[in-house]
Amino acid sequence: VESMKGQKFGEPVFGGTPLGQMPKPPRFDPEWRRDQMPIVDVTWADAQAYCKWMGGRLPTEAEWEYAARAGSTAPRYGALDDIAWYGDNSGKERLDTTKLWANPKDRHAYLGRLNENGNMPHDVAQKRPNAFGLYDMIGNVYQYTHDWYAEKYYSMSPKIDPQGPREADVMQSYVL
Protein backbone atom coordinates (compact mmCIF):
# COMPACT_ATOMS: atom_id res chain seq x y z
CA VAL A 1 0.00 0.00 0.00
CA GLU A 2 1.45 3.35 -1.02
CA SER A 3 0.60 6.90 -0.09
CA MET A 4 -0.01 9.45 -2.80
CA LYS A 5 3.61 10.51 -2.30
CA GLY A 6 4.81 7.01 -3.28
CA GLN A 7 6.05 5.96 0.14
CA LYS A 8 5.15 2.39 1.12
CA PHE A 9 3.32 1.78 4.39
CA GLY A 10 5.71 0.32 6.93
CA GLU A 11 8.84 1.95 5.48
CA PRO A 12 10.82 4.14 7.87
CA VAL A 13 9.65 7.75 7.78
CA PHE A 14 12.57 10.12 7.12
CA GLY A 15 15.05 7.53 8.41
CA GLY A 16 13.02 6.81 11.56
CA THR A 17 11.00 3.75 12.48
CA PRO A 18 7.95 2.54 10.55
CA LEU A 19 4.53 3.70 11.71
CA GLY A 20 3.12 0.26 10.94
CA GLN A 21 3.52 -2.88 8.90
CA MET A 22 1.43 -4.54 6.28
CA PRO A 23 -0.38 -7.54 7.74
CA LYS A 24 0.48 -11.06 6.63
CA PRO A 25 -1.22 -11.75 3.27
CA PRO A 26 -4.43 -13.78 3.54
CA ARG A 27 -4.74 -17.23 1.97
CA PHE A 28 -6.99 -15.90 -0.79
CA ASP A 29 -4.51 -13.20 -1.90
CA PRO A 30 -0.90 -14.35 -1.43
CA GLU A 31 1.63 -11.54 -1.62
CA TRP A 32 -1.09 -8.85 -1.78
CA ARG A 33 -1.19 -8.95 -5.59
CA ARG A 34 -4.87 -8.05 -6.04
CA ASP A 35 -5.21 -4.29 -5.66
CA GLN A 36 -9.00 -4.46 -5.42
CA MET A 37 -9.07 -6.77 -2.39
CA PRO A 38 -9.76 -5.21 1.00
CA ILE A 39 -7.12 -5.31 3.70
CA VAL A 40 -7.92 -7.97 6.31
CA ASP A 41 -6.43 -9.42 9.49
CA VAL A 42 -5.38 -6.08 10.94
CA THR A 43 -5.77 -4.88 14.49
CA TRP A 44 -7.41 -1.64 15.52
CA ALA A 45 -3.91 -0.28 16.25
CA ASP A 46 -2.79 -1.26 12.72
CA ALA A 47 -5.76 0.62 11.25
CA GLN A 48 -5.01 3.66 13.42
CA ALA A 49 -1.34 3.60 12.36
CA TYR A 50 -2.31 3.46 8.69
CA CYS A 51 -4.74 6.36 9.04
CA LYS A 52 -2.11 8.41 10.85
CA TRP A 53 0.43 7.59 8.14
CA MET A 54 -2.05 8.83 5.52
CA GLY A 55 -2.64 12.04 7.51
CA GLY A 56 -6.09 11.09 8.80
CA ARG A 57 -7.84 9.12 11.51
CA LEU A 58 -10.46 6.43 11.83
CA PRO A 59 -14.00 7.82 11.79
CA THR A 60 -16.16 7.82 14.89
CA GLU A 61 -19.02 5.34 14.82
CA ALA A 62 -21.45 8.21 14.17
CA GLU A 63 -19.34 9.48 11.24
CA TRP A 64 -19.08 5.97 9.82
CA GLU A 65 -22.83 5.44 10.19
CA TYR A 66 -23.56 8.72 8.40
CA ALA A 67 -21.20 7.78 5.55
CA ALA A 68 -22.58 4.23 5.33
CA ARG A 69 -26.18 5.44 5.14
CA ALA A 70 -25.21 8.36 2.87
CA GLY A 71 -27.18 10.77 5.04
CA SER A 72 -30.34 8.62 5.04
CA THR A 73 -32.12 7.44 8.18
CA ALA A 74 -33.08 4.10 6.56
CA PRO A 75 -31.21 1.01 7.81
CA ARG A 76 -30.00 0.22 4.26
CA TYR A 77 -29.97 1.84 0.85
CA GLY A 78 -31.17 -1.24 -1.02
CA ALA A 79 -31.73 -4.98 -0.90
CA LEU A 80 -28.87 -6.60 1.04
CA ASP A 81 -27.82 -8.87 -1.84
CA ASP A 82 -27.54 -5.83 -4.14
CA ILE A 83 -25.34 -3.78 -1.80
CA ALA A 84 -23.27 -6.18 0.30
CA TRP A 85 -21.23 -9.36 0.46
CA TYR A 86 -22.19 -11.28 3.61
CA GLY A 87 -22.43 -14.85 4.90
CA ASP A 88 -25.37 -15.83 2.71
CA ASN A 89 -23.95 -14.70 -0.65
CA SER A 90 -20.15 -14.66 -0.41
CA GLY A 91 -19.38 -18.36 -0.95
CA LYS A 92 -19.78 -21.06 -3.59
CA GLU A 93 -23.38 -21.79 -2.60
CA ARG A 94 -26.03 -19.59 -1.07
CA LEU A 95 -26.37 -20.20 2.68
CA ASP A 96 -29.04 -19.31 5.21
CA THR A 97 -26.70 -18.02 7.90
CA THR A 98 -29.58 -16.78 10.04
CA LYS A 99 -30.84 -20.36 10.27
CA LEU A 100 -27.32 -21.72 10.87
CA TRP A 101 -26.70 -19.23 13.68
CA ALA A 102 -30.15 -19.64 15.26
CA ASN A 103 -29.68 -23.36 15.90
CA PRO A 104 -27.36 -23.80 18.93
CA LYS A 105 -26.13 -27.14 17.49
CA ASP A 106 -25.16 -25.45 14.21
CA ARG A 107 -23.67 -22.40 15.93
CA HIS A 108 -20.60 -24.37 16.94
CA ALA A 109 -19.99 -25.31 13.31
CA TYR A 110 -20.95 -21.90 11.87
CA LEU A 111 -17.43 -20.70 10.98
CA GLY A 112 -16.48 -24.16 9.73
CA ARG A 113 -19.49 -24.15 7.39
CA LEU A 114 -18.56 -20.70 6.05
CA ASN A 115 -15.00 -21.92 5.45
CA GLU A 116 -16.18 -25.13 3.72
CA ASN A 117 -18.42 -23.01 1.49
CA GLY A 118 -15.51 -20.82 0.43
CA ASN A 119 -16.93 -17.68 2.01
CA MET A 120 -14.32 -14.94 1.87
CA PRO A 121 -13.92 -11.25 1.10
CA HIS A 122 -14.50 -10.13 -2.46
CA ASP A 123 -12.95 -7.41 -4.59
CA VAL A 124 -14.25 -4.00 -3.61
CA ALA A 125 -16.82 -2.09 -5.67
CA GLN A 126 -18.66 -5.18 -6.98
CA LYS A 127 -21.95 -4.24 -5.36
CA ARG A 128 -24.05 -1.09 -5.76
CA PRO A 129 -22.59 2.04 -4.07
CA ASN A 130 -24.57 4.25 -1.71
CA ALA A 131 -25.71 7.80 -2.60
CA PHE A 132 -22.28 9.18 -1.61
CA GLY A 133 -20.64 6.77 -4.09
CA LEU A 134 -19.13 4.63 -1.31
CA TYR A 135 -18.85 0.87 -1.79
CA ASP A 136 -18.76 -1.97 0.73
CA MET A 137 -19.92 0.06 3.71
CA ILE A 138 -21.99 -2.95 4.73
CA GLY A 139 -20.54 -6.45 4.61
CA ASN A 140 -17.45 -7.86 2.91
CA VAL A 141 -15.04 -7.16 5.83
CA TYR A 142 -15.17 -5.52 9.25
CA GLN A 143 -14.64 -1.79 9.46
CA TYR A 144 -13.01 -0.26 12.52
CA THR A 145 -14.09 3.03 14.04
CA HIS A 146 -12.24 5.30 16.41
CA ASP A 147 -14.48 5.00 19.44
CA TRP A 148 -15.11 2.39 22.08
CA TYR A 149 -18.28 0.34 22.43
CA ALA A 150 -20.64 1.23 25.27
CA GLU A 151 -24.12 -0.28 25.11
CA LYS A 152 -25.99 2.71 26.59
CA TYR A 153 -23.88 5.52 25.14
CA TYR A 154 -26.43 6.73 22.57
CA SER A 155 -29.20 6.99 25.15
CA MET A 156 -27.23 9.84 26.79
CA SER A 157 -24.99 11.14 23.98
CA PRO A 158 -25.29 14.44 22.12
CA LYS A 159 -27.77 14.15 19.25
CA ILE A 160 -25.43 15.89 16.80
CA ASP A 161 -21.93 14.54 16.08
CA PRO A 162 -21.47 12.26 19.10
CA GLN A 163 -17.77 11.50 19.62
CA GLY A 164 -18.26 8.12 21.29
CA PRO A 165 -17.72 7.01 24.88
CA ARG A 166 -14.45 7.78 26.67
CA GLU A 167 -14.08 4.13 27.72
CA ALA A 168 -15.48 0.73 26.79
CA ASP A 169 -18.01 -1.42 28.61
CA VAL A 170 -15.64 -4.32 27.93
CA MET A 171 -11.87 -3.97 27.82
CA GLN A 172 -10.50 -3.62 24.27
CA SER A 173 -13.98 -3.42 22.77
CA TYR A 174 -13.85 -1.06 19.82
CA VAL A 175 -16.80 -0.64 17.51
CA LEU A 176 -16.38 -2.74 14.36
C-alpha atoms as a PDB file:
ATOM      1  CA  VAL A   1       0.000   0.000   0.000  1.00  0.00           C
ATOM      2  CA  GLU A   2       1.453   3.351  -1.023  1.00  0.00           C
ATOM      3  CA  SER A   3       0.597   6.897  -0.089  1.00  0.00           C
ATOM      4  CA  MET A   4      -0.014   9.448  -2.800  1.00  0.00           C
ATOM      5  CA  LYS A   5       3.614  10.509  -2.299  1.00  0.00           C
ATOM      6  CA  GLY A   6       4.807   7.011  -3.277  1.00  0.00           C
ATOM      7  CA  GLN A   7       6.050   5.957   0.142  1.00  0.00           C
ATOM      8  CA  LYS A   8       5.150   2.385   1.125  1.00  0.00           C
ATOM      9  CA  PHE A   9       3.325   1.777   4.391  1.00  0.00           C
ATOM     10  CA  GLY A  10       5.714   0.318   6.927  1.00  0.00           C
ATOM     11  CA  GLU A  11       8.844   1.947   5.483  1.00  0.00           C
ATOM     12  CA  PRO A  12      10.819   4.143   7.869  1.00  0.00           C
ATOM     13  CA  VAL A  13       9.652   7.748   7.775  1.00  0.00           C
ATOM     14  CA  PHE A  14      12.566  10.118   7.124  1.00  0.00           C
ATOM     15  CA  GLY A  15      15.051   7.527   8.411  1.00  0.00           C
ATOM     16  CA  GLY A  16      13.016   6.807  11.562  1.00  0.00           C
ATOM     17  CA  THR A  17      10.998   3.753  12.478  1.00  0.00           C
ATOM     18  CA  PRO A  18       7.954   2.535  10.545  1.00  0.00           C
ATOM     19  CA  LEU A  19       4.531   3.696  11.713  1.00  0.00           C
ATOM     20  CA  GLY A  20       3.116   0.260  10.941  1.00  0.00           C
ATOM     21  CA  GLN A  21       3.518  -2.879   8.903  1.00  0.00           C
ATOM     22  CA  MET A  22       1.427  -4.539   6.282  1.00  0.00           C
ATOM     23  CA  PRO A  23      -0.380  -7.542   7.741  1.00  0.00           C
ATOM     24  CA  LYS A  24       0.483 -11.059   6.628  1.00  0.00           C
ATOM     25  CA  PRO A  25      -1.217 -11.745   3.271  1.00  0.00           C
ATOM     26  CA  PRO A  26      -4.432 -13.783   3.536  1.00  0.00           C
ATOM     27  CA  ARG A  27      -4.737 -17.234   1.967  1.00  0.00           C
ATOM     28  CA  PHE A  28      -6.989 -15.905  -0.794  1.00  0.00           C
ATOM     29  CA  ASP A  29      -4.515 -13.197  -1.901  1.00  0.00           C
ATOM     30  CA  PRO A  30      -0.904 -14.355  -1.434  1.00  0.00           C
ATOM     31  CA  GLU A  31       1.634 -11.539  -1.615  1.00  0.00           C
ATOM     32  CA  TRP A  32      -1.095  -8.845  -1.776  1.00  0.00           C
ATOM     33  CA  ARG A  33      -1.192  -8.952  -5.588  1.00  0.00           C
ATOM     34  CA  ARG A  34      -4.869  -8.055  -6.037  1.00  0.00           C
ATOM     35  CA  ASP A  35      -5.214  -4.289  -5.663  1.00  0.00           C
ATOM     36  CA  GLN A  36      -9.000  -4.464  -5.418  1.00  0.00           C
ATOM     37  CA  MET A  37      -9.066  -6.769  -2.393  1.00  0.00           C
ATOM     38  CA  PRO A  38      -9.765  -5.205   1.000  1.00  0.00           C
ATOM     39  CA  ILE A  39      -7.118  -5.307   3.701  1.00  0.00           C
ATOM     40  CA  VAL A  40      -7.921  -7.971   6.311  1.00  0.00           C
ATOM     41  CA  ASP A  41      -6.432  -9.417   9.490  1.00  0.00           C
ATOM     42  CA  VAL A  42      -5.380  -6.078  10.942  1.00  0.00           C
ATOM     43  CA  THR A  43      -5.772  -4.882  14.495  1.00  0.00           C
ATOM     44  CA  TRP A  44      -7.406  -1.639  15.525  1.00  0.00           C
ATOM     45  CA  ALA A  45      -3.912  -0.277  16.255  1.00  0.00           C
ATOM     46  CA  ASP A  46      -2.794  -1.257  12.721  1.00  0.00           C
ATOM     47  CA  ALA A  47      -5.763   0.620  11.250  1.00  0.00           C
ATOM     48  CA  GLN A  48      -5.011   3.661  13.421  1.00  0.00           C
ATOM     49  CA  ALA A  49      -1.338   3.602  12.357  1.00  0.00           C
ATOM     50  CA  TYR A  50      -2.307   3.463   8.692  1.00  0.00           C
ATOM     51  CA  CYS A  51      -4.740   6.360   9.045  1.00  0.00           C
ATOM     52  CA  LYS A  52      -2.107   8.413  10.851  1.00  0.00           C
ATOM     53  CA  TRP A  53       0.435   7.593   8.136  1.00  0.00           C
ATOM     54  CA  MET A  54      -2.048   8.832   5.518  1.00  0.00           C
ATOM     55  CA  GLY A  55      -2.635  12.039   7.512  1.00  0.00           C
ATOM     56  CA  GLY A  56      -6.087  11.089   8.799  1.00  0.00           C
ATOM     57  CA  ARG A  57      -7.835   9.116  11.505  1.00  0.00           C
ATOM     58  CA  LEU A  58     -10.458   6.426  11.831  1.00  0.00           C
ATOM     59  CA  PRO A  59     -14.004   7.821  11.793  1.00  0.00           C
ATOM     60  CA  THR A  60     -16.158   7.819  14.894  1.00  0.00           C
ATOM     61  CA  GLU A  61     -19.024   5.338  14.823  1.00  0.00           C
ATOM     62  CA  ALA A  62     -21.449   8.208  14.169  1.00  0.00           C
ATOM     63  CA  GLU A  63     -19.338   9.479  11.244  1.00  0.00           C
ATOM     64  CA  TRP A  64     -19.080   5.965   9.821  1.00  0.00           C
ATOM     65  CA  GLU A  65     -22.833   5.441  10.190  1.00  0.00           C
ATOM     66  CA  TYR A  66     -23.564   8.722   8.405  1.00  0.00           C
ATOM     67  CA  ALA A  67     -21.202   7.783   5.552  1.00  0.00           C
ATOM     68  CA  ALA A  68     -22.579   4.226   5.328  1.00  0.00           C
ATOM     69  CA  ARG A  69     -26.178   5.444   5.140  1.00  0.00           C
ATOM     70  CA  ALA A  70     -25.206   8.363   2.870  1.00  0.00           C
ATOM     71  CA  GLY A  71     -27.182  10.773   5.039  1.00  0.00           C
ATOM     72  CA  SER A  72     -30.340   8.622   5.043  1.00  0.00           C
ATOM     73  CA  THR A  73     -32.121   7.436   8.179  1.00  0.00           C
ATOM     74  CA  ALA A  74     -33.076   4.103   6.556  1.00  0.00           C
ATOM     75  CA  PRO A  75     -31.212   1.011   7.807  1.00  0.00           C
ATOM     76  CA  ARG A  76     -29.999   0.220   4.264  1.00  0.00           C
ATOM     77  CA  TYR A  77     -29.972   1.844   0.847  1.00  0.00           C
ATOM     78  CA  GLY A  78     -31.166  -1.237  -1.024  1.00  0.00           C
ATOM     79  CA  ALA A  79     -31.728  -4.975  -0.898  1.00  0.00           C
ATOM     80  CA  LEU A  80     -28.869  -6.597   1.039  1.00  0.00           C
ATOM     81  CA  ASP A  81     -27.819  -8.875  -1.839  1.00  0.00           C
ATOM     82  CA  ASP A  82     -27.541  -5.828  -4.141  1.00  0.00           C
ATOM     83  CA  ILE A  83     -25.342  -3.777  -1.805  1.00  0.00           C
ATOM     84  CA  ALA A  84     -23.271  -6.179   0.298  1.00  0.00           C
ATOM     85  CA  TRP A  85     -21.231  -9.358   0.459  1.00  0.00           C
ATOM     86  CA  TYR A  86     -22.187 -11.280   3.606  1.00  0.00           C
ATOM     87  CA  GLY A  87     -22.433 -14.847   4.904  1.00  0.00           C
ATOM     88  CA  ASP A  88     -25.372 -15.835   2.706  1.00  0.00           C
ATOM     89  CA  ASN A  89     -23.952 -14.702  -0.651  1.00  0.00           C
ATOM     90  CA  SER A  90     -20.152 -14.660  -0.413  1.00  0.00           C
ATOM     91  CA  GLY A  91     -19.383 -18.356  -0.946  1.00  0.00           C
ATOM     92  CA  LYS A  92     -19.778 -21.058  -3.586  1.00  0.00           C
ATOM     93  CA  GLU A  93     -23.381 -21.788  -2.600  1.00  0.00           C
ATOM     94  CA  ARG A  94     -26.030 -19.591  -1.066  1.00  0.00           C
ATOM     95  CA  LEU A  95     -26.370 -20.204   2.677  1.00  0.00           C
ATOM     96  CA  ASP A  96     -29.038 -19.313   5.213  1.00  0.00           C
ATOM     97  CA  THR A  97     -26.698 -18.020   7.897  1.00  0.00           C
ATOM     98  CA  THR A  98     -29.581 -16.778  10.042  1.00  0.00           C
ATOM     99  CA  LYS A  99     -30.842 -20.355  10.269  1.00  0.00           C
ATOM    100  CA  LEU A 100     -27.319 -21.724  10.868  1.00  0.00           C
ATOM    101  CA  TRP A 101     -26.695 -19.227  13.679  1.00  0.00           C
ATOM    102  CA  ALA A 102     -30.148 -19.645  15.261  1.00  0.00           C
ATOM    103  CA  ASN A 103     -29.678 -23.360  15.902  1.00  0.00           C
ATOM    104  CA  PRO A 104     -27.358 -23.802  18.932  1.00  0.00           C
ATOM    105  CA  LYS A 105     -26.130 -27.140  17.493  1.00  0.00           C
ATOM    106  CA  ASP A 106     -25.156 -25.454  14.207  1.00  0.00           C
ATOM    107  CA  ARG A 107     -23.673 -22.395  15.929  1.00  0.00           C
ATOM    108  CA  HIS A 108     -20.598 -24.369  16.936  1.00  0.00           C
ATOM    109  CA  ALA A 109     -19.989 -25.314  13.308  1.00  0.00           C
ATOM    110  CA  TYR A 110     -20.947 -21.897  11.867  1.00  0.00           C
ATOM    111  CA  LEU A 111     -17.426 -20.703  10.979  1.00  0.00           C
ATOM    112  CA  GLY A 112     -16.483 -24.159   9.729  1.00  0.00           C
ATOM    113  CA  ARG A 113     -19.491 -24.150   7.393  1.00  0.00           C
ATOM    114  CA  LEU A 114     -18.556 -20.700   6.046  1.00  0.00           C
ATOM    115  CA  ASN A 115     -15.002 -21.917   5.450  1.00  0.00           C
ATOM    116  CA  GLU A 116     -16.184 -25.133   3.723  1.00  0.00           C
ATOM    117  CA  ASN A 117     -18.416 -23.011   1.488  1.00  0.00           C
ATOM    118  CA  GLY A 118     -15.510 -20.816   0.429  1.00  0.00           C
ATOM    119  CA  ASN A 119     -16.928 -17.681   2.009  1.00  0.00           C
ATOM    120  CA  MET A 120     -14.322 -14.944   1.866  1.00  0.00           C
ATOM    121  CA  PRO A 121     -13.917 -11.254   1.103  1.00  0.00           C
ATOM    122  CA  HIS A 122     -14.503 -10.130  -2.462  1.00  0.00           C
ATOM    123  CA  ASP A 123     -12.946  -7.407  -4.587  1.00  0.00           C
ATOM    124  CA  VAL A 124     -14.251  -3.999  -3.608  1.00  0.00           C
ATOM    125  CA  ALA A 125     -16.816  -2.092  -5.674  1.00  0.00           C
ATOM    126  CA  GLN A 126     -18.660  -5.175  -6.983  1.00  0.00           C
ATOM    127  CA  LYS A 127     -21.953  -4.236  -5.360  1.00  0.00           C
ATOM    128  CA  ARG A 128     -24.053  -1.088  -5.762  1.00  0.00           C
ATOM    129  CA  PRO A 129     -22.591   2.044  -4.074  1.00  0.00           C
ATOM    130  CA  ASN A 130     -24.571   4.252  -1.709  1.00  0.00           C
ATOM    131  CA  ALA A 131     -25.713   7.800  -2.602  1.00  0.00           C
ATOM    132  CA  PHE A 132     -22.283   9.181  -1.606  1.00  0.00           C
ATOM    133  CA  GLY A 133     -20.637   6.770  -4.087  1.00  0.00           C
ATOM    134  CA  LEU A 134     -19.127   4.631  -1.310  1.00  0.00           C
ATOM    135  CA  TYR A 135     -18.847   0.865  -1.792  1.00  0.00           C
ATOM    136  CA  ASP A 136     -18.763  -1.973   0.734  1.00  0.00           C
ATOM    137  CA  MET A 137     -19.918   0.058   3.711  1.00  0.00           C
ATOM    138  CA  ILE A 138     -21.992  -2.953   4.728  1.00  0.00           C
ATOM    139  CA  GLY A 139     -20.544  -6.449   4.606  1.00  0.00           C
ATOM    140  CA  ASN A 140     -17.448  -7.864   2.906  1.00  0.00           C
ATOM    141  CA  VAL A 141     -15.040  -7.160   5.825  1.00  0.00           C
ATOM    142  CA  TYR A 142     -15.174  -5.520   9.250  1.00  0.00           C
ATOM    143  CA  GLN A 143     -14.642  -1.790   9.464  1.00  0.00           C
ATOM    144  CA  TYR A 144     -13.015  -0.259  12.521  1.00  0.00           C
ATOM    145  CA  THR A 145     -14.090   3.028  14.044  1.00  0.00           C
ATOM    146  CA  HIS A 146     -12.236   5.304  16.409  1.00  0.00           C
ATOM    147  CA  ASP A 147     -14.484   5.004  19.442  1.00  0.00           C
ATOM    148  CA  TRP A 148     -15.107   2.387  22.084  1.00  0.00           C
ATOM    149  CA  TYR A 149     -18.283   0.341  22.434  1.00  0.00           C
ATOM    150  CA  ALA A 150     -20.638   1.230  25.272  1.00  0.00           C
ATOM    151  CA  GLU A 151     -24.123  -0.280  25.107  1.00  0.00           C
ATOM    152  CA  LYS A 152     -25.985   2.712  26.595  1.00  0.00           C
ATOM    153  CA  TYR A 153     -23.884   5.522  25.137  1.00  0.00           C
ATOM    154  CA  TYR A 154     -26.431   6.731  22.569  1.00  0.00           C
ATOM    155  CA  SER A 155     -29.197   6.989  25.154  1.00  0.00           C
ATOM    156  CA  MET A 156     -27.227   9.838  26.794  1.00  0.00           C
ATOM    157  CA  SER A 157     -24.993  11.141  23.984  1.00  0.00           C
ATOM    158  CA  PRO A 158     -25.287  14.444  22.124  1.00  0.00           C
ATOM    159  CA  LYS A 159     -27.768  14.151  19.251  1.00  0.00           C
ATOM    160  CA  ILE A 160     -25.434  15.889  16.799  1.00  0.00           C
ATOM    161  CA  ASP A 161     -21.929  14.544  16.077  1.00  0.00           C
ATOM    162  CA  PRO A 162     -21.466  12.258  19.100  1.00  0.00           C
ATOM    163  CA  GLN A 163     -17.768  11.496  19.622  1.00  0.00           C
ATOM    164  CA  GLY A 164     -18.258   8.123  21.293  1.00  0.00           C
ATOM    165  CA  PRO A 165     -17.722   7.010  24.878  1.00  0.00           C
ATOM    166  CA  ARG A 166     -14.449   7.779  26.666  1.00  0.00           C
ATOM    167  CA  GLU A 167     -14.085   4.129  27.715  1.00  0.00           C
ATOM    168  CA  ALA A 168     -15.484   0.727  26.790  1.00  0.00           C
ATOM    169  CA  ASP A 169     -18.015  -1.423  28.605  1.00  0.00           C
ATOM    170  CA  VAL A 170     -15.639  -4.320  27.929  1.00  0.00           C
ATOM    171  CA  MET A 171     -11.872  -3.965  27.824  1.00  0.00           C
ATOM    172  CA  GLN A 172     -10.503  -3.617  24.270  1.00  0.00           C
ATOM    173  CA  SER A 173     -13.978  -3.418  22.767  1.00  0.00           C
ATOM    174  CA  TYR A 174     -13.850  -1.063  19.822  1.00  0.00           C
ATOM    175  CA  VAL A 175     -16.800  -0.636  17.508  1.00  0.00           C
ATOM    176  CA  LEU A 176     -16.384  -2.740  14.365  1.00  0.00           C
END
